[in-house]
C-alpha atoms as a PDB file:
ATOM      1  CA  MET A   1     116.205 103.642 109.168  1.00  0.00           C
ATOM      2  CA  ASN A   2     112.470 104.044 109.345  1.00  0.00           C
ATOM      3  CA  GLU A   3     109.902 101.158 110.889  1.00  0.00           C
ATOM      4  CA  PHE A   4     109.636  99.019 108.027  1.00  0.00           C
ATOM      5  CA  GLU A   5     113.597  98.558 107.703  1.00  0.00           C
ATOM      6  CA  LEU A   6     113.595  98.052 111.315  1.00  0.00           C
ATOM      7  CA  ILE A   7     111.145  95.442 110.872  1.00  0.00           C
ATOM      8  CA  LYS A   8     112.324  93.750 107.746  1.00  0.00           C
ATOM      9  CA  LYS A   9     116.387  94.243 109.262  1.00  0.00           C
ATOM     10  CA  TYR A  10     115.826  92.559 113.069  1.00  0.00           C
ATOM     11  CA  PHE A  11     112.030  90.914 113.333  1.00  0.00           C
ATOM     12  CA  SER A  12     110.788  89.328 109.739  1.00  0.00           C
ATOM     13  CA  LYS A  13     113.122  86.021 110.347  1.00  0.00           C
ATOM     14  CA  LEU A  14     111.669  85.329 113.426  1.00  0.00           C
ATOM     15  CA  SER A  15     108.286  85.334 112.286  1.00  0.00           C
ATOM     16  CA  SER A  16     109.380  82.590 109.306  1.00  0.00           C
ATOM     17  CA  ASN A  17     107.869  79.929 110.723  1.00  0.00           C
ATOM     18  CA  ASN A  18     104.235  81.500 111.726  1.00  0.00           C
ATOM     19  CA  LYS A  19     102.550  82.056 108.770  1.00  0.00           C
ATOM     20  CA  ASN A  20      99.350  83.860 110.485  1.00  0.00           C
ATOM     21  CA  SER A  21     102.354  86.596 111.635  1.00  0.00           C
ATOM     22  CA  LEU A  22     101.901  87.187 107.582  1.00  0.00           C
ATOM     23  CA  ARG A  23     105.601  87.871 107.498  1.00  0.00           C
ATOM     24  CA  LEU A  24     105.030  91.342 110.013  1.00  0.00           C
ATOM     25  CA  ASN A  25     104.111  92.971 106.666  1.00  0.00           C
ATOM     26  CA  ASP A  26     100.285  93.266 106.660  1.00  0.00           C
ATOM     27  CA  ASP A  27      98.307  95.191 110.191  1.00  0.00           C
ATOM     28  CA  VAL A  28      97.079  91.869 111.597  1.00  0.00           C
ATOM     29  CA  PHE A  29      98.103  88.759 112.990  1.00  0.00           C
ATOM     30  CA  PHE A  30      95.607  85.997 111.056  1.00  0.00           C
ATOM     31  CA  ASP A  31      95.283  82.567 112.066  1.00  0.00           C
ATOM     32  CA  LYS A  32      92.404  81.207 109.554  1.00  0.00           C
ATOM     33  CA  LYS A  33      91.538  78.040 111.379  1.00  0.00           C
ATOM     34  CA  GLN A  34      91.020  79.686 114.668  1.00  0.00           C
ATOM     35  CA  LYS A  35      89.353  82.297 112.670  1.00  0.00           C
ATOM     36  CA  LEU A  36      91.059  85.163 114.666  1.00  0.00           C
ATOM     37  CA  VAL A  37      92.833  88.453 113.792  1.00  0.00           C
ATOM     38  CA  ILE A  38      94.044  90.914 116.030  1.00  0.00           C
ATOM     39  CA  SER A  39      96.116  93.867 115.270  1.00  0.00           C
ATOM     40  CA  VAL A  40      97.809  95.940 117.923  1.00  0.00           C
ATOM     41  CA  ASP A  41      98.635  99.720 117.882  1.00  0.00           C
ATOM     42  CA  THR A  42     100.494 101.755 120.167  1.00  0.00           C
ATOM     43  CA  TYR A  43     100.152 105.642 120.563  1.00  0.00           C
ATOM     44  CA  VAL A  44     102.092 108.275 122.295  1.00  0.00           C
ATOM     45  CA  GLU A  45     102.024 111.967 123.257  1.00  0.00           C
ATOM     46  CA  GLY A  46     103.728 114.222 121.419  1.00  0.00           C
ATOM     47  CA  VAL A  47     104.041 111.813 118.600  1.00  0.00           C
ATOM     48  CA  HIS A  48     100.159 109.866 117.873  1.00  0.00           C
ATOM     49  CA  PHE A  49      98.301 112.935 119.216  1.00  0.00           C
ATOM     50  CA  LEU A  50      99.714 116.390 120.468  1.00  0.00           C
ATOM     51  CA  ASP A  51      98.830 116.804 124.449  1.00  0.00           C
ATOM     52  CA  PHE A  52      96.732 115.167 126.702  1.00  0.00           C
ATOM     53  CA  ARG A  53      94.261 118.563 127.428  1.00  0.00           C
ATOM     54  CA  SER A  54      91.170 116.351 125.801  1.00  0.00           C
ATOM     55  CA  PRO A  55      91.513 113.119 127.262  1.00  0.00           C
ATOM     56  CA  ASP A  56      87.920 112.354 125.914  1.00  0.00           C
ATOM     57  CA  LEU A  57      88.815 113.261 122.457  1.00  0.00           C
ATOM     58  CA  VAL A  58      92.271 111.766 122.061  1.00  0.00           C
ATOM     59  CA  ILE A  59      90.812 108.107 123.362  1.00  0.00           C
ATOM     60  CA  LYS A  60      88.214 108.033 120.851  1.00  0.00           C
ATOM     61  CA  LYS A  61      90.618 108.765 118.289  1.00  0.00           C
ATOM     62  CA  ILE A  62      93.058 106.210 119.238  1.00  0.00           C
ATOM     63  CA  ILE A  63      90.317 103.896 119.084  1.00  0.00           C
ATOM     64  CA  ARG A  64      88.558 104.407 116.098  1.00  0.00           C
ATOM     65  CA  SER A  65      92.141 104.587 114.182  1.00  0.00           C
ATOM     66  CA  SER A  66      92.901 101.298 115.782  1.00  0.00           C
ATOM     67  CA  ILE A  67      89.833  99.353 115.056  1.00  0.00           C
ATOM     68  CA  SER A  68      90.330 100.304 111.552  1.00  0.00           C
ATOM     69  CA  ASP A  69      93.088  98.117 110.776  1.00  0.00           C
ATOM     70  CA  LEU A  70      90.440  95.350 111.335  1.00  0.00           C
ATOM     71  CA  ILE A  71      87.907  97.241 109.296  1.00  0.00           C
ATOM     72  CA  CYS A  72      90.322  97.290 106.101  1.00  0.00           C
ATOM     73  CA  LYS A  73      90.861  93.729 105.956  1.00  0.00           C
ATOM     74  CA  GLY A  74      86.849  92.680 106.336  1.00  0.00           C
ATOM     75  CA  VAL A  75      86.661  92.693 109.606  1.00  0.00           C
ATOM     76  CA  SER A  76      84.238  93.721 112.352  1.00  0.00           C
ATOM     77  CA  PRO A  77      85.969  94.493 115.649  1.00  0.00           C
ATOM     78  CA  LYS A  78      84.488  92.311 118.503  1.00  0.00           C
ATOM     79  CA  TYR A  79      86.774  92.895 121.599  1.00  0.00           C
ATOM     80  CA  TYR A  80      89.904  95.687 122.751  1.00  0.00           C
ATOM     81  CA  PHE A  81      92.205  95.584 125.319  1.00  0.00           C
ATOM     82  CA  ILE A  82      93.675  98.793 126.725  1.00  0.00           C
ATOM     83  CA  SER A  83      97.190  98.958 127.725  1.00  0.00           C
ATOM     84  CA  GLY A  84      97.957 102.874 129.274  1.00  0.00           C
ATOM     85  CA  SER A  85     100.905 104.559 130.663  1.00  0.00           C
ATOM     86  CA  GLY A  86     101.701 107.660 132.179  1.00  0.00           C
ATOM     87  CA  ASN A  87     101.430 109.174 135.727  1.00  0.00           C
ATOM     88  CA  ARG A  88      99.692 110.812 138.335  1.00  0.00           C
ATOM     89  CA  LYS A  89      99.215 114.454 135.895  1.00  0.00           C
ATOM     90  CA  SER A  90      97.703 111.986 133.161  1.00  0.00           C
ATOM     91  CA  PHE A  91      95.746 109.685 135.233  1.00  0.00           C
ATOM     92  CA  THR A  92      93.601 112.221 136.953  1.00  0.00           C
ATOM     93  CA  LYS A  93      90.284 111.163 138.444  1.00  0.00           C
ATOM     94  CA  LYS A  94      88.783 113.767 136.306  1.00  0.00           C
ATOM     95  CA  ASN A  95      90.677 112.442 133.159  1.00  0.00           C
ATOM     96  CA  LEU A  96      89.764 109.061 133.885  1.00  0.00           C
ATOM     97  CA  VAL A  97      86.372 109.536 134.223  1.00  0.00           C
ATOM     98  CA  MET A  98      86.165 111.332 131.090  1.00  0.00           C
ATOM     99  CA  ILE A  99      88.093 108.297 129.093  1.00  0.00           C
ATOM    100  CA  SER A 100      85.926 105.809 130.822  1.00  0.00           C
ATOM    101  CA  LYS A 101      83.094 107.744 129.547  1.00  0.00           C
ATOM    102  CA  SER A 102      84.533 107.972 125.912  1.00  0.00           C
ATOM    103  CA  LEU A 103      85.317 104.005 125.668  1.00  0.00           C
ATOM    104  CA  LYS A 104      81.363 103.493 127.001  1.00  0.00           C
ATOM    105  CA  GLN A 105      80.421 105.604 123.869  1.00  0.00           C
ATOM    106  CA  GLU A 106      82.698 103.717 121.213  1.00  0.00           C
ATOM    107  CA  GLN A 107      81.740 100.397 122.398  1.00  0.00           C
ATOM    108  CA  LYS A 108      78.242 101.313 121.849  1.00  0.00           C
ATOM    109  CA  LYS A 109      78.562 103.477 118.565  1.00  0.00           C
ATOM    110  CA  TYR A 110      80.893  99.731 117.257  1.00  0.00           C
ATOM    111  CA  SER A 111      79.818  97.013 119.426  1.00  0.00           C
ATOM    112  CA  ILE A 112      83.206  96.487 120.745  1.00  0.00           C
ATOM    113  CA  TYR A 113      83.659  95.023 124.421  1.00  0.00           C
ATOM    114  CA  LEU A 114      86.744  96.277 126.578  1.00  0.00           C
ATOM    115  CA  SER A 115      88.627  93.076 127.396  1.00  0.00           C
ATOM    116  CA  GLY A 116      91.563  93.638 129.415  1.00  0.00           C
ATOM    117  CA  GLY A 117      94.685  95.793 129.348  1.00  0.00           C
ATOM    118  CA  ASP A 118      97.370  97.070 131.734  1.00  0.00           C
ATOM    119  CA  THR A 119      98.415 100.492 133.514  1.00  0.00           C
ATOM    120  CA  THR A 120     102.009 101.374 134.328  1.00  0.00           C
ATOM    121  CA  PHE A 121     103.666 104.040 135.910  1.00  0.00           C
ATOM    122  CA  SER A 122     105.408 107.032 133.213  1.00  0.00           C
ATOM    123  CA  LYS A 123     106.900 109.869 132.562  1.00  0.00           C
ATOM    124  CA  LYS A 124     105.978 109.869 128.988  1.00  0.00           C
ATOM    125  CA  LEU A 125     102.161 108.947 128.283  1.00  0.00           C
ATOM    126  CA  SER A 126     101.522 106.109 125.871  1.00  0.00           C
ATOM    127  CA  PHE A 127      98.743 103.876 125.035  1.00  0.00           C
ATOM    128  CA  THR A 128      98.626 100.661 123.236  1.00  0.00           C
ATOM    129  CA  ILE A 129      95.305  99.206 121.774  1.00  0.00           C
ATOM    130  CA  THR A 130      94.807  95.350 120.829  1.00  0.00           C
ATOM    131  CA  SER A 131      91.779  94.853 118.895  1.00  0.00           C
ATOM    132  CA  VAL A 132      90.574  91.339 118.003  1.00  0.00           C
ATOM    133  CA  GLY A 133      88.412  89.933 115.523  1.00  0.00           C
ATOM    134  CA  PHE A 134      86.424  86.453 114.204  1.00  0.00           C
ATOM    135  CA  SER A 135      86.427  85.805 110.700  1.00  0.00           C
ATOM    136  CA  ASP A 136      87.728  82.725 108.148  1.00  0.00           C
ATOM    137  CA  LYS A 137      88.705  85.338 105.816  1.00  0.00           C
ATOM    138  CA  ILE A 138      91.141  88.338 105.189  1.00  0.00           C
ATOM    139  CA  ILE A 139      92.119  90.899 102.741  1.00  0.00           C
ATOM    140  CA  TYR A 140      95.583  90.880 102.129  1.00  0.00           C
ATOM    141  CA  ARG A 141      98.018  92.960 101.455  1.00  0.00           C
ATOM    142  CA  ASN A 142     100.080  92.717  97.996  1.00  0.00           C
ATOM    143  CA  ARG A 143      97.334  90.673  96.408  1.00  0.00           C
ATOM    144  CA  ALA A 144      96.928  93.881  93.469  1.00  0.00           C
ATOM    145  CA  LYS A 145      96.638  93.397  90.070  1.00  0.00           C
ATOM    146  CA  ILE A 146      97.863  94.682  87.145  1.00  0.00           C
ATOM    147  CA  ASP A 147      95.014  96.952  85.768  1.00  0.00           C
ATOM    148  CA  ASP A 148      93.447  97.496  89.029  1.00  0.00           C
ATOM    149  CA  ASP A 149      91.444 100.574  89.191  1.00  0.00           C
ATOM    150  CA  ILE A 150      92.386 102.355  92.529  1.00  0.00           C
ATOM    151  CA  TYR A 151      89.618 103.400  95.027  1.00  0.00           C
ATOM    152  CA  VAL A 152      89.065 105.215  98.114  1.00  0.00           C
ATOM    153  CA  THR A 153      86.316 105.882 100.514  1.00  0.00           C
ATOM    154  CA  GLY A 154      85.189 109.555 102.185  1.00  0.00           C
ATOM    155  CA  ASN A 155      87.253 112.385 101.717  1.00  0.00           C
ATOM    156  CA  LEU A 156      90.950 113.140 102.633  1.00  0.00           C
ATOM    157  CA  GLY A 157      92.743 115.847 104.227  1.00  0.00           C
ATOM    158  CA  ASP A 158      90.801 117.162 106.717  1.00  0.00           C
ATOM    159  CA  SER A 159      92.710 115.535 109.810  1.00  0.00           C
ATOM    160  CA  PHE A 160      95.943 117.047 108.553  1.00  0.00           C
ATOM    161  CA  ILE A 161      94.142 120.432 108.637  1.00  0.00           C
ATOM    162  CA  GLY A 162      92.537 119.877 111.916  1.00  0.00           C
ATOM    163  CA  LEU A 163      96.421 118.877 113.444  1.00  0.00           C
ATOM    164  CA  LYS A 164      97.677 122.078 111.625  1.00  0.00           C
ATOM    165  CA  VAL A 165      95.083 123.979 113.746  1.00  0.00           C
ATOM    166  CA  LEU A 166      95.788 122.522 117.140  1.00  0.00           C
ATOM    167  CA  GLN A 167      99.578 123.175 116.331  1.00  0.00           C
ATOM    168  CA  LYS A 168      98.620 127.223 115.725  1.00  0.00           C
ATOM    169  CA  LYS A 169     100.366 126.474 112.007  1.00  0.00           C
ATOM    170  CA  ILE A 170      96.874 127.660 110.521  1.00  0.00           C
ATOM    171  CA  ASN A 171      94.400 129.966 111.802  1.00  0.00           C
ATOM    172  CA  LEU A 172      91.042 129.962 110.654  1.00  0.00           C
ATOM    173  CA  ASN A 173      87.212 131.753 111.764  1.00  0.00           C
ATOM    174  CA  ARG A 174      85.734 129.281 114.588  1.00  0.00           C
ATOM    175  CA  ASN A 175      83.318 127.262 112.437  1.00  0.00           C
ATOM    176  CA  LEU A 176      86.056 126.485 110.374  1.00  0.00           C
ATOM    177  CA  ALA A 177      88.569 125.553 112.947  1.00  0.00           C
ATOM    178  CA  ARG A 178      85.720 123.491 115.136  1.00  0.00           C
ATOM    179  CA  TYR A 179      85.262 121.460 111.870  1.00  0.00           C
ATOM    180  CA  PHE A 180      88.899 120.227 110.705  1.00  0.00           C
ATOM    181  CA  ILE A 181      89.101 119.931 114.498  1.00  0.00           C
ATOM    182  CA  ASN A 182      86.158 116.921 115.099  1.00  0.00           C
ATOM    183  CA  LYS A 183      87.441 115.377 111.971  1.00  0.00           C
ATOM    184  CA  TYR A 184      90.884 115.224 113.487  1.00  0.00           C
ATOM    185  CA  PHE A 185      89.647 113.409 116.696  1.00  0.00           C
ATOM    186  CA  HIS A 186      86.349 111.889 114.942  1.00  0.00           C
ATOM    187  CA  PRO A 187      87.699 109.908 111.798  1.00  0.00           C
ATOM    188  CA  ASN A 188      85.029 108.425 109.808  1.00  0.00           C
ATOM    189  CA  ILE A 189      84.638 104.774 110.180  1.00  0.00           C
ATOM    190  CA  HIS A 190      83.245 102.877 107.561  1.00  0.00           C
ATOM    191  CA  THR A 191      82.016  99.557 109.841  1.00  0.00           C
ATOM    192  CA  ASN A 192      78.767  99.683 107.233  1.00  0.00           C
ATOM    193  CA  ILE A 193      81.732  98.921 104.468  1.00  0.00           C
ATOM    194  CA  THR A 194      83.285  95.820 105.927  1.00  0.00           C
ATOM    195  CA  LYS A 195      82.160  92.486 104.600  1.00  0.00           C
ATOM    196  CA  LYS A 196      80.714  94.202 101.244  1.00  0.00           C
ATOM    197  CA  LEU A 197      84.666  94.609 100.493  1.00  0.00           C
ATOM    198  CA  PHE A 198      84.852  90.779 100.380  1.00  0.00           C
ATOM    199  CA  LEU A 199      82.759  91.223  97.078  1.00  0.00           C
ATOM    200  CA  ILE A 200      85.211  93.730  95.677  1.00  0.00           C
ATOM    201  CA  ALA A 201      88.570  94.272  96.968  1.00  0.00           C
ATOM    202  CA  ASN A 202      91.708  92.593  95.724  1.00  0.00           C
ATOM    203  CA  THR A 203      93.659  93.894  98.334  1.00  0.00           C
ATOM    204  CA  SER A 204      93.222  97.196 100.961  1.00  0.00           C
ATOM    205  CA  ILE A 205      94.940  99.066 103.284  1.00  0.00           C
ATOM    206  CA  ASP A 206      94.093 101.538 106.036  1.00  0.00           C
ATOM    207  CA  ILE A 207      95.274 105.355 105.221  1.00  0.00           C
ATOM    208  CA  SER A 208      97.261 105.780 108.389  1.00  0.00           C
ATOM    209  CA  ASP A 209     100.795 107.602 107.484  1.00  0.00           C
ATOM    210  CA  GLY A 210      99.257 109.025 104.446  1.00  0.00           C
ATOM    211  CA  ILE A 211      97.794 107.758 101.051  1.00  0.00           C
ATOM    212  CA  ILE A 212     101.243 107.906  98.729  1.00  0.00           C
ATOM    213  CA  ALA A 213     103.075 105.415 101.560  1.00  0.00           C
ATOM    214  CA  ASP A 214     100.014 103.433 102.286  1.00  0.00           C
ATOM    215  CA  LEU A 215      99.491 102.890  98.634  1.00  0.00           C
ATOM    216  CA  GLU A 216     103.442 101.755  98.644  1.00  0.00           C
ATOM    217  CA  LYS A 217     103.068  99.393 101.197  1.00  0.00           C
ATOM    218  CA  LEU A 218     100.119  97.794  99.676  1.00  0.00           C
ATOM    219  CA  ILE A 219     101.530  97.065  96.851  1.00  0.00           C
ATOM    220  CA  ASN A 220     105.408  97.262  98.201  1.00  0.00           C
ATOM    221  CA  ASN A 221     106.143  93.091  97.424  1.00  0.00           C
ATOM    222  CA  GLN A 222     104.968  93.072  94.282  1.00  0.00           C
ATOM    223  CA  LYS A 223     106.647  94.459  90.644  1.00  0.00           C
ATOM    224  CA  LEU A 224     104.374  96.419  90.048  1.00  0.00           C
ATOM    225  CA  SER A 225     103.845 100.756  90.211  1.00  0.00           C
ATOM    226  CA  TYR A 226     100.421 103.280  90.517  1.00  0.00           C
ATOM    227  CA  VAL A 227      99.408 106.021  88.838  1.00  0.00           C
ATOM    228  CA  LEU A 228      97.097 108.795  90.655  1.00  0.00           C
ATOM    229  CA  TYR A 229      95.268 111.547  89.292  1.00  0.00           C
ATOM    230  CA  LEU A 230      95.046 114.216  91.914  1.00  0.00           C
ATOM    231  CA  ASN A 231      91.800 115.421  90.259  1.00  0.00           C
ATOM    232  CA  ASN A 232      89.953 112.273  91.151  1.00  0.00           C
ATOM    233  CA  ILE A 233      90.806 112.151  95.479  1.00  0.00           C
ATOM    234  CA  PRO A 234      87.705 113.117  97.160  1.00  0.00           C
ATOM    235  CA  ILE A 235      88.252 116.288  99.361  1.00  0.00           C
ATOM    236  CA  SER A 236      85.556 117.791 101.533  1.00  0.00           C
ATOM    237  CA  GLU A 237      84.013 121.114 100.625  1.00  0.00           C
ATOM    238  CA  LYS A 238      85.667 122.663 103.216  1.00  0.00           C
ATOM    239  CA  LEU A 239      89.315 121.816 103.031  1.00  0.00           C
ATOM    240  CA  ASN A 240      88.950 122.949  98.815  1.00  0.00           C
ATOM    241  CA  LYS A 241      87.650 126.446  99.864  1.00  0.00           C
ATOM    242  CA  LEU A 242      90.515 126.439 101.854  1.00  0.00           C
ATOM    243  CA  ILE A 243      92.941 125.198  98.516  1.00  0.00           C
ATOM    244  CA  GLU A 244      90.941 128.362  96.512  1.00  0.00           C
ATOM    245  CA  LEU A 245      92.069 130.696  99.279  1.00  0.00           C
ATOM    246  CA  LYS A 246      95.805 129.256  99.443  1.00  0.00           C
ATOM    247  CA  ILE A 247      95.862 128.526 102.877  1.00  0.00           C
ATOM    248  CA  THR A 248      97.281 124.795 102.101  1.00  0.00           C
ATOM    249  CA  LYS A 249      97.979 123.276  98.831  1.00  0.00           C
ATOM    250  CA  LYS A 250      95.662 119.685  97.956  1.00  0.00           C
ATOM    251  CA  ILE A 251      98.687 117.247  97.483  1.00  0.00           C
ATOM    252  CA  LYS A 252     100.117 118.507 100.859  1.00  0.00           C
ATOM    253  CA  SER A 253      96.818 117.513 102.436  1.00  0.00           C
ATOM    254  CA  ILE A 254      95.901 114.670 101.319  1.00  0.00           C
ATOM    255  CA  THR A 255      99.057 112.791 101.477  1.00  0.00           C
ATOM    256  CA  ARG A 256      99.867 113.293 105.058  1.00  0.00           C
ATOM    257  CA  GLY A 257      97.852 110.610 107.283  1.00  0.00           C
ATOM    258  CA  ASP A 258      95.625 109.966 109.731  1.00  0.00           C
ATOM    259  CA  ASP A 259      92.570 109.542 107.654  1.00  0.00           C
ATOM    260  CA  TYR A 260      91.723 106.232 108.481  1.00  0.00           C
ATOM    261  CA  GLN A 261      89.474 105.882 105.511  1.00  0.00           C
ATOM    262  CA  ILE A 262      89.871 102.775 103.014  1.00  0.00           C
ATOM    263  CA  LEU A 263      92.274 102.546  99.852  1.00  0.00           C
ATOM    264  CA  PHE A 264      91.637  99.260  97.958  1.00  0.00           C
ATOM    265  CA  THR A 265      92.271  98.226  94.500  1.00  0.00           C
ATOM    266  CA  ALA A 266      89.568  96.323  92.660  1.00  0.00           C
ATOM    267  CA  SER A 267      89.343  95.005  89.426  1.00  0.00           C
ATOM    268  CA  PRO A 268      87.627  97.024  86.355  1.00  0.00           C
ATOM    269  CA  SER A 269      84.774  94.984  85.969  1.00  0.00           C
ATOM    270  CA  LYS A 270      84.017  95.738  89.531  1.00  0.00           C
ATOM    271  CA  SER A 271      83.204  99.552  89.155  1.00  0.00           C
ATOM    272  CA  ARG A 272      79.167  99.137  88.918  1.00  0.00           C
ATOM    273  CA  ILE A 273      79.212  97.232  91.571  1.00  0.00           C
ATOM    274  CA  ILE A 274      81.232  99.520  93.707  1.00  0.00           C
ATOM    275  CA  SER A 275      78.977 102.181  92.862  1.00  0.00           C
ATOM    276  CA  LYS A 276      75.944 100.614  93.885  1.00  0.00           C
ATOM    277  CA  ILE A 277      77.583  99.838  97.498  1.00  0.00           C
ATOM    278  CA  GLY A 278      78.399 103.195  98.037  1.00  0.00           C
ATOM    279  CA  LYS A 279      75.122 104.416  97.439  1.00  0.00           C
ATOM    280  CA  SER A 280      72.974 101.739  99.080  1.00  0.00           C
ATOM    281  CA  LEU A 281      75.780 102.560 102.268  1.00  0.00           C
ATOM    282  CA  GLY A 282      75.672 106.572 101.721  1.00  0.00           C
ATOM    283  CA  ILE A 283      79.556 105.973 101.546  1.00  0.00           C
ATOM    284  CA  LYS A 284      81.798 108.303  99.183  1.00  0.00           C
ATOM    285  CA  ILE A 285      83.734 105.781  96.877  1.00  0.00           C
ATOM    286  CA  SER A 286      86.190 107.233  94.522  1.00  0.00           C
ATOM    287  CA  LYS A 287      87.825 106.285  91.526  1.00  0.00           C
ATOM    288  CA  ILE A 288      91.636 107.808  92.117  1.00  0.00           C
ATOM    289  CA  GLY A 289      94.072 105.576  89.867  1.00  0.00           C
ATOM    290  CA  LYS A 290      95.338 102.480  88.692  1.00  0.00           C
ATOM    291  CA  ILE A 291      98.171  99.607  88.923  1.00  0.00           C
ATOM    292  CA  CYS A 292     100.562  99.290  86.504  1.00  0.00           C
ATOM    293  CA  HIS A 293     103.443  96.849  85.496  1.00  0.00           C
ATOM    294  CA  HIS A 294     106.682  97.724  87.707  1.00  0.00           C
ATOM    295  CA  SER A 295     108.613  98.775  84.202  1.00  0.00           C
ATOM    296  CA  GLN A 296     105.905 102.483  84.586  1.00  0.00           C
ATOM    297  CA  LYS A 297     107.136 104.461  86.840  1.00  0.00           C
ATOM    298  CA  SER A 298     104.791 105.518  89.433  1.00  0.00           C
ATOM    299  CA  GLN A 299     103.480 109.212  89.400  1.00  0.00           C
ATOM    300  CA  ILE A 300     100.688 111.593  90.363  1.00  0.00           C
ATOM    301  CA  ILE A 301      99.465 113.372  88.013  1.00  0.00           C
ATOM    302  CA  ASN A 302      97.653 116.780  88.191  1.00  0.00           C
ATOM    303  CA  GLU A 303      94.459 118.778  86.603  1.00  0.00           C
ATOM    304  CA  LYS A 304      96.991 120.021  84.132  1.00  0.00           C
ATOM    305  CA  ASN A 305      97.979 116.446  83.375  1.00  0.00           C
ATOM    306  CA  GLU A 306     101.225 117.207  84.533  1.00  0.00           C
ATOM    307  CA  LYS A 307     103.544 114.807  86.589  1.00  0.00           C
ATOM    308  CA  ILE A 308     103.679 115.822  90.051  1.00  0.00           C
ATOM    309  CA  ALA A 309     106.924 115.354  92.345  1.00  0.00           C
ATOM    310  CA  LEU A 310     106.530 114.912  96.110  1.00  0.00           C
ATOM    311  CA  LYS A 311     109.040 115.845  98.932  1.00  0.00           C
ATOM    312  CA  ASN A 312     107.170 114.245 101.559  1.00  0.00           C
ATOM    313  CA  LYS A 313     105.388 111.025 100.987  1.00  0.00           C
ATOM    314  CA  GLY A 314     103.357 110.903 104.356  1.00  0.00           C
ATOM    315  CA  TYR A 315     104.995 109.704 107.941  1.00  0.00           C
ATOM    316  CA  PHE A 316     107.332 107.771 108.755  1.00  0.00           C
ATOM    317  CA  HIS A 317     108.404 106.540 112.183  1.00  0.00           C
ATOM    318  CA  LYS A 318     112.642 107.102 111.964  1.00  0.00           C
ATOM    319  CA  PHE A 319     114.830 105.343 114.644  1.00  0.00           C
END
């Protein structure tokens, strides 16, 4: 079974008397009375990051991916807790100095503060990040409406190429390789749009497992479907170059996750204000599709107006 089937079958009922848990079907815990918003993420070597050769970069990646859970809900992260399980090989003095330096940089960049955590000995390296923010409202999942437009911030796919470069499955020249690896380790988190989301978004999520997988999570408890237009999904000029050279395919690159961009739906009447917000903040915000009635099957349309069949919708943990 995958992670969502596991949660639904064994743990959802345990949260039935706790409305703040949001039925374990959102990225966060939200207590409106206490104005408290919390997210928890675990990252395991070999699953969420390849290895620990660059501990300074790995830590930055997991911090940013963790706080993006709050940001896509319209909440600014304030505090974080970090727990690490490792051994003498992973937690050398050199590595710990590098980790500490990176955390200091991330704290300054995102105005967040280390507030606690734990360390344990383990043969397998892993980190768990708890992010905390304060708000009396959030943007929930499963609040999309029929005829909503679907939007995404930034570009998709660069991180996936960076991973393939690190895995030595794609060979690029030094400058291109450096660009994509940097995108893999340094996802561009749009903190300046956080509060603006309340003006435009009906529902939202960050793209961690892939645009298709996360879009389906966004509407999973609603009788809705979607249509996405492949040509409208934003990519960088450098990724477009690789596609033109047939090094990769667009549909493959954009559906594998690790982008941590914000995926949201909005009423068609919001299109003008969305464009205005994007320009004022210097953030690319692209309209990529539409929410439809469930009687219409979900589909992806390519530039030739043809339906695309997907074998892989994104990343899923399987147990």
